[in-house]
Amino acid sequence: MSIDRVATSTQAQYLLSQVTQANNALNRTQAQVASGKVATDYAGIGDKTAALEAARAASDRTTAYQNATNLALNQVNMQDTQLSSLSDLANTWRQDITQALGNGDASTLATDAQSVLDQLNTILNSKDANGNYLYGGDKNTTQPLNATTLADLVALPSASAAFSNGTVTNAVRISDGQTVQVGVLASDAGQQLLQSLKDVADYNAGPGGPLGSTIDSATSSFLSGAIQGAAGAAQAVNNVAATNGAVYQQLQDASSTQQSMSNMYQGFVSDIQDVDMTTAVSNLNQNQLALQAALQVTAQLNQISLLNYLPLSSSGG
């Protein structure tokens, strides 16, 4: 007669299901500790999937706005430096005319004008890191200022004819539905200064010229007006620089807001998909113990038979 095991098929299946559950729980917590994530698929996220994807999408948009804003800040900062140089240049030109009139000697004024024109070309025809003209607006592949000599200026009907820039400044989107104009057009920044240079070049090449070491009353009157023109040019540049400074502050504010929004969205994402590592490690240890216990109980049950319950026969008698 055989001695059957006490465990039934139903008990064995139940214990095996417990082993399977404990093993799955252990695998899940091992994956969480290894990845730092609640789950690596949507099934593990459950009903929070829609919220997770919405937060991720918002975070990605904010990051894109941050990148665009940072590039714009670099551009506006470069423009600020160059506009400051342009303002200094206009003031230097005003001082050149004032000195010529005060000394009664305008013999070097044409040379001074050419020097200012050279520097004006350097500033207004500068390019960004991508090789596009910084002050070209919507025509940033076309050189915006096209007069390099005083003779070029004399040949033009007006200073405005020297400019080939576009009419629309560059803009950057800083948030949903909000854009900021960040560009400066060469004509807006430099036309009045160029007109002042042209006025002197025209006079020098005309009946009242050339400008020399002596100044008559007509030339004196002209130079007095030219001083006012140069002062107006300097003020025009300062106005453009002030507008550029306001744009810079607006971008700075936007950047701060974007960083706050990015932190918030990343916090949403983290709350949904990231595990608390202390809790995850604790769960891992508990699941390891649970699996070991389930395996031990199963093994012991499979080894129990009726012999375990029969009384031992006494020796002798």
Protein backbone atom coordinates (compact mmCIF):
# COMPACT_ATOMS: atom_id res chain seq x y z
CA MET A 1 0.00 0.00 0.00
CA SER A 2 1.37 3.45 -0.95
CA ILE A 3 1.54 6.31 1.48
CA ASP A 4 0.05 9.42 -0.30
CA ARG A 5 1.14 12.99 0.33
CA VAL A 6 -1.18 15.05 2.43
CA ALA A 7 -1.18 18.02 -0.03
CA THR A 8 -4.02 18.02 -2.55
CA SER A 9 -3.85 19.27 -6.16
CA THR A 10 -5.89 22.36 -5.20
CA GLN A 11 -3.48 23.25 -2.42
CA ALA A 12 -0.52 22.82 -4.72
CA GLN A 13 -2.06 25.08 -7.36
CA TYR A 14 -2.82 27.72 -4.74
CA LEU A 15 0.74 27.68 -3.43
CA LEU A 16 2.14 27.86 -6.96
CA SER A 17 -0.05 30.91 -7.62
CA GLN A 18 1.34 32.52 -4.48
CA VAL A 19 4.87 31.82 -5.71
CA THR A 20 4.03 33.37 -9.07
CA GLN A 21 2.53 36.50 -7.48
CA ALA A 22 5.51 36.89 -5.17
CA ASN A 23 7.89 36.45 -8.12
CA ASN A 24 6.01 39.04 -10.21
CA ALA A 25 6.05 41.50 -7.32
CA LEU A 26 9.78 40.93 -6.88
CA ASN A 27 10.44 41.48 -10.61
CA ARG A 28 8.39 44.68 -10.52
CA THR A 29 10.23 46.14 -7.55
CA GLN A 30 13.61 45.09 -8.99
CA ALA A 31 12.75 46.97 -12.18
CA GLN A 32 11.66 50.02 -10.19
CA VAL A 33 14.88 50.11 -8.17
CA ALA A 34 16.97 49.64 -11.33
CA SER A 35 15.14 52.28 -13.42
CA GLY A 36 13.88 54.64 -10.75
CA LYS A 37 10.49 54.57 -12.51
CA VAL A 38 7.14 53.26 -11.38
CA ALA A 39 6.84 51.41 -14.68
CA THR A 40 8.36 51.34 -18.15
CA ASP A 41 5.03 51.03 -19.98
CA TYR A 42 1.59 52.61 -19.86
CA ALA A 43 0.07 49.52 -18.29
CA GLY A 44 2.14 50.12 -15.18
CA ILE A 45 1.12 53.79 -15.04
CA GLY A 46 -2.57 52.95 -15.28
CA ASP A 47 -5.19 55.69 -15.18
CA LYS A 48 -2.51 58.36 -14.76
CA THR A 49 -1.24 57.85 -18.32
CA ALA A 50 -3.19 60.78 -19.82
CA ALA A 51 -1.98 63.16 -17.10
CA LEU A 52 1.59 61.94 -17.56
CA GLU A 53 1.56 62.53 -21.32
CA ALA A 54 -0.04 65.96 -20.92
CA ALA A 55 2.66 66.97 -18.41
CA ARG A 56 5.41 65.61 -20.68
CA ALA A 57 4.04 67.52 -23.68
CA ALA A 58 3.80 70.75 -21.69
CA SER A 59 7.33 70.22 -20.38
CA ASP A 60 8.67 69.66 -23.91
CA ARG A 61 6.96 72.82 -25.18
CA THR A 62 8.38 74.84 -22.31
CA THR A 63 11.86 73.48 -23.00
CA ALA A 64 11.53 74.51 -26.65
CA TYR A 65 10.45 78.01 -25.58
CA GLN A 66 13.41 78.16 -23.19
CA ASN A 67 15.86 77.26 -25.95
CA ALA A 68 14.38 79.85 -28.30
CA THR A 69 14.37 82.51 -25.58
CA ASN A 70 18.01 81.84 -24.69
CA LEU A 71 19.03 82.25 -28.33
CA ALA A 72 17.05 85.48 -28.49
CA LEU A 73 18.71 86.74 -25.31
CA ASN A 74 22.11 86.14 -26.89
CA GLN A 75 21.05 88.09 -29.98
CA VAL A 76 19.58 90.99 -28.02
CA ASN A 77 22.64 91.12 -25.79
CA MET A 78 24.90 91.30 -28.86
CA GLN A 79 22.69 94.03 -30.30
CA ASP A 80 22.96 95.97 -27.04
CA THR A 81 26.74 95.93 -27.23
CA GLN A 82 26.75 97.03 -30.86
CA LEU A 83 24.10 99.69 -30.38
CA SER A 84 26.18 101.13 -27.54
CA SER A 85 29.13 101.26 -29.94
CA LEU A 86 26.90 102.88 -32.55
CA SER A 87 25.79 105.52 -30.05
CA ASP A 88 29.41 106.24 -29.17
CA LEU A 89 30.18 106.49 -32.89
CA ALA A 90 27.40 109.03 -33.44
CA ASN A 91 28.62 111.10 -30.51
CA THR A 92 32.18 110.94 -31.81
CA TRP A 93 30.95 112.18 -35.19
CA ARG A 94 29.12 115.04 -33.50
CA GLN A 95 32.30 115.94 -31.63
CA ASP A 96 34.31 115.84 -34.89
CA ILE A 97 32.00 118.39 -36.48
CA THR A 98 31.93 120.52 -33.32
CA GLN A 99 35.72 120.51 -33.16
CA ALA A 100 36.05 121.43 -36.83
CA LEU A 101 33.70 124.37 -36.37
CA GLY A 102 35.35 125.45 -33.12
CA ASN A 103 38.87 125.33 -34.61
CA GLY A 104 37.81 126.93 -37.88
CA ASP A 105 39.45 124.00 -39.68
CA ALA A 106 37.40 121.32 -41.46
CA SER A 107 40.27 119.86 -43.46
CA THR A 108 40.07 116.44 -41.73
CA LEU A 109 36.29 116.23 -41.57
CA ALA A 110 35.94 114.16 -44.74
CA THR A 111 38.50 111.69 -43.41
CA ASP A 112 36.64 111.56 -40.12
CA ALA A 113 33.39 110.92 -42.00
CA GLN A 114 34.97 108.02 -43.92
CA SER A 115 36.22 106.49 -40.66
CA VAL A 116 32.73 106.69 -39.14
CA LEU A 117 31.26 105.16 -42.31
CA ASP A 118 33.72 102.26 -42.12
CA GLN A 119 32.72 101.51 -38.54
CA LEU A 120 29.04 101.89 -39.36
CA ASN A 121 29.40 99.26 -42.07
CA THR A 122 31.16 96.91 -39.67
CA ILE A 123 28.36 97.16 -37.12
CA LEU A 124 25.30 97.12 -39.37
CA ASN A 125 26.65 94.39 -41.67
CA SER A 126 27.63 92.06 -38.82
CA LYS A 127 26.40 88.46 -38.90
CA ASP A 128 25.11 86.02 -36.32
CA ALA A 129 26.47 82.54 -35.59
CA ASN A 130 24.50 81.12 -38.54
CA GLY A 131 26.01 83.54 -41.01
CA ASN A 132 22.85 85.65 -41.36
CA TYR A 133 22.93 89.43 -41.22
CA LEU A 134 21.96 90.48 -37.71
CA TYR A 135 20.24 93.69 -38.84
CA GLY A 136 18.71 92.35 -42.05
CA GLY A 137 15.26 91.59 -40.67
CA ASP A 138 13.30 89.29 -42.97
CA LYS A 139 16.03 89.68 -45.61
CA ASN A 140 18.83 88.38 -43.42
CA THR A 141 20.80 86.84 -46.29
CA THR A 142 21.16 90.23 -47.99
CA GLN A 143 23.78 92.73 -46.87
CA PRO A 144 21.73 95.54 -45.30
CA LEU A 145 24.10 98.52 -45.81
CA ASN A 146 25.57 99.08 -49.26
CA ALA A 147 27.58 102.29 -49.12
CA THR A 148 31.25 101.98 -48.26
CA THR A 149 32.69 105.31 -49.44
CA LEU A 150 31.68 108.96 -49.30
CA ALA A 151 31.45 108.87 -53.10
CA ASP A 152 28.82 106.11 -52.73
CA LEU A 153 26.82 108.38 -50.44
CA VAL A 154 27.05 111.35 -52.80
CA ALA A 155 25.73 109.19 -55.65
CA LEU A 156 22.61 108.22 -53.68
CA PRO A 157 19.42 110.31 -53.71
CA SER A 158 19.11 109.85 -49.94
CA ALA A 159 20.63 107.84 -47.13
CA SER A 160 17.65 105.48 -47.12
CA ALA A 161 18.65 104.25 -50.58
CA ALA A 162 21.80 102.70 -49.09
CA PHE A 163 19.81 100.15 -47.10
CA SER A 164 18.64 96.78 -48.40
CA ASN A 165 17.35 95.26 -45.18
CA GLY A 166 13.85 93.87 -44.86
CA THR A 167 10.92 95.58 -43.22
CA VAL A 168 10.01 92.93 -40.60
CA THR A 169 12.19 92.31 -37.57
CA ASN A 170 12.95 88.87 -36.18
CA ALA A 171 10.54 87.51 -33.59
CA VAL A 172 10.66 84.70 -31.04
CA ARG A 173 7.78 82.75 -29.51
CA ILE A 174 8.21 82.71 -25.73
CA SER A 175 4.97 80.94 -24.75
CA ASP A 176 1.73 79.68 -26.23
CA GLY A 177 0.30 82.56 -28.23
CA GLN A 178 3.00 85.11 -27.26
CA THR A 179 5.83 86.37 -29.45
CA VAL A 180 8.42 89.10 -28.92
CA GLN A 181 10.08 91.19 -31.62
CA VAL A 182 13.79 90.86 -30.93
CA GLY A 183 15.46 92.10 -34.09
CA VAL A 184 16.67 95.57 -35.05
CA LEU A 185 16.70 96.79 -38.65
CA ALA A 186 19.85 98.41 -39.99
CA SER A 187 17.86 101.32 -41.38
CA ASP A 188 16.20 101.99 -38.02
CA ALA A 189 19.51 102.00 -36.19
CA GLY A 190 21.75 103.79 -38.66
CA GLN A 191 19.82 105.82 -41.21
CA GLN A 192 20.00 109.16 -39.41
CA LEU A 193 23.72 108.79 -38.81
CA LEU A 194 24.25 107.80 -42.43
CA GLN A 195 22.21 110.84 -43.53
CA SER A 196 24.44 113.07 -41.42
CA LEU A 197 27.50 111.59 -43.13
CA LYS A 198 25.89 112.05 -46.54
CA ASP A 199 25.09 115.69 -45.79
CA VAL A 200 28.77 116.37 -45.10
CA ALA A 201 29.86 114.32 -48.13
CA ASP A 202 27.42 116.21 -50.37
CA TYR A 203 28.61 119.57 -49.10
CA ASN A 204 32.25 118.55 -49.51
CA ALA A 205 31.61 117.48 -53.10
CA GLY A 206 29.36 120.43 -53.93
CA PRO A 207 29.80 124.12 -54.67
CA GLY A 208 30.62 124.95 -51.04
CA GLY A 209 33.43 122.41 -50.88
CA PRO A 210 35.85 121.00 -50.58
CA LEU A 211 36.07 121.39 -46.81
CA GLY A 212 39.43 122.88 -46.00
CA SER A 213 41.54 124.56 -43.36
CA THR A 214 39.48 127.74 -43.42
CA ILE A 215 35.75 128.07 -42.82
CA ASP A 216 33.61 130.79 -44.37
CA SER A 217 30.24 131.89 -43.09
CA ALA A 218 28.32 129.52 -45.36
CA THR A 219 30.37 126.55 -44.21
CA SER A 220 30.05 127.67 -40.59
CA SER A 221 26.28 127.78 -40.94
CA PHE A 222 26.27 124.36 -42.60
CA LEU A 223 28.43 122.82 -39.86
CA SER A 224 26.19 124.27 -37.13
CA GLY A 225 23.26 122.47 -38.72
CA ALA A 226 25.35 119.33 -39.15
CA ILE A 227 26.05 119.29 -35.42
CA GLN A 228 22.32 119.20 -34.76
CA GLY A 229 21.91 116.45 -37.32
CA ALA A 230 24.63 114.36 -35.67
CA ALA A 231 23.07 114.94 -32.24
CA GLY A 232 19.73 113.78 -33.62
CA ALA A 233 21.41 110.69 -35.04
CA ALA A 234 22.90 109.88 -31.64
CA GLN A 235 19.49 110.29 -29.99
CA ALA A 236 17.89 108.02 -32.58
CA VAL A 237 20.42 105.29 -31.83
CA ASN A 238 19.83 105.74 -28.09
CA ASN A 239 16.08 105.31 -28.65
CA VAL A 240 16.65 102.06 -30.54
CA ALA A 241 19.02 100.89 -27.79
CA ALA A 242 16.41 101.69 -25.12
CA THR A 243 13.81 99.63 -26.98
CA ASN A 244 16.31 96.80 -27.30
CA GLY A 245 16.97 96.99 -23.55
CA ALA A 246 13.26 96.71 -22.82
CA VAL A 247 13.08 93.64 -25.03
CA TYR A 248 16.01 92.13 -23.16
CA GLN A 249 14.20 92.61 -19.84
CA GLN A 250 11.03 91.08 -21.28
CA LEU A 251 13.00 88.04 -22.42
CA GLN A 252 14.66 87.76 -19.01
CA ASP A 253 11.26 87.76 -17.34
CA ALA A 254 10.01 85.17 -19.81
CA SER A 255 13.04 82.99 -19.15
CA SER A 256 12.37 83.08 -15.39
CA THR A 257 8.73 82.17 -15.94
CA GLN A 258 9.70 79.36 -18.30
CA GLN A 259 12.09 77.92 -15.73
CA SER A 260 9.37 77.96 -13.09
CA MET A 261 6.92 76.28 -15.46
CA SER A 262 9.52 73.71 -16.46
CA ASN A 263 10.19 72.84 -12.83
CA MET A 264 6.45 72.50 -12.22
CA TYR A 265 5.84 70.23 -15.22
CA GLN A 266 8.88 68.11 -14.42
CA GLY A 267 7.53 67.80 -10.88
CA PHE A 268 4.21 66.55 -12.26
CA VAL A 269 6.01 63.97 -14.40
CA SER A 270 8.22 62.89 -11.50
CA ASP A 271 5.25 62.51 -9.15
CA ILE A 272 3.59 60.15 -11.60
CA GLN A 273 6.45 58.08 -12.98
CA ASP A 274 9.31 58.25 -10.48
CA VAL A 275 9.45 55.91 -7.51
CA ASP A 276 10.35 56.83 -3.97
CA MET A 277 13.65 54.97 -3.84
CA THR A 278 13.54 54.35 -0.07
CA THR A 279 10.07 52.81 -0.37
CA ALA A 280 11.05 50.85 -3.48
CA VAL A 281 14.10 49.29 -1.77
CA SER A 282 11.99 48.42 1.26
CA ASN A 283 9.38 46.81 -0.99
CA LEU A 284 12.13 44.92 -2.80
CA ASN A 285 13.41 43.43 0.44
CA GLN A 286 9.90 42.51 1.54
CA ASN A 287 9.12 40.88 -1.80
CA GLN A 288 12.35 38.89 -1.67
CA LEU A 289 11.37 37.56 1.75
CA ALA A 290 7.82 36.83 0.58
CA LEU A 291 9.07 34.82 -2.39
CA GLN A 292 11.50 32.87 -0.24
CA ALA A 293 8.72 32.09 2.23
CA ALA A 294 6.33 30.97 -0.52
CA LEU A 295 8.97 28.71 -2.03
CA GLN A 296 9.79 27.18 1.34
CA VAL A 297 6.14 26.47 2.17
CA THR A 298 5.58 24.90 -1.22
CA ALA A 299 8.64 22.71 -0.90
CA GLN A 300 7.73 21.60 2.60
CA LEU A 301 4.14 20.80 1.64
CA ASN A 302 5.29 18.64 -1.24
CA GLN A 303 7.41 16.60 1.16
CA ILE A 304 4.67 15.94 3.76
CA SER A 305 3.04 12.46 3.66
CA LEU A 306 0.86 10.38 5.99
CA LEU A 307 3.98 8.97 7.51
CA ASN A 308 4.47 12.31 9.21
CA TYR A 309 1.29 11.69 11.18
CA LEU A 310 1.71 7.94 12.10
CA PRO A 311 2.83 7.21 15.67
CA LEU A 312 6.26 5.79 16.00
CA SER A 313 6.22 2.11 17.16
CA SER A 314 7.84 1.46 20.51
CA SER A 315 10.83 -0.87 20.57
CA GLY A 316 10.70 -4.15 22.52
CA GLY A 317 7.78 -6.00 24.18
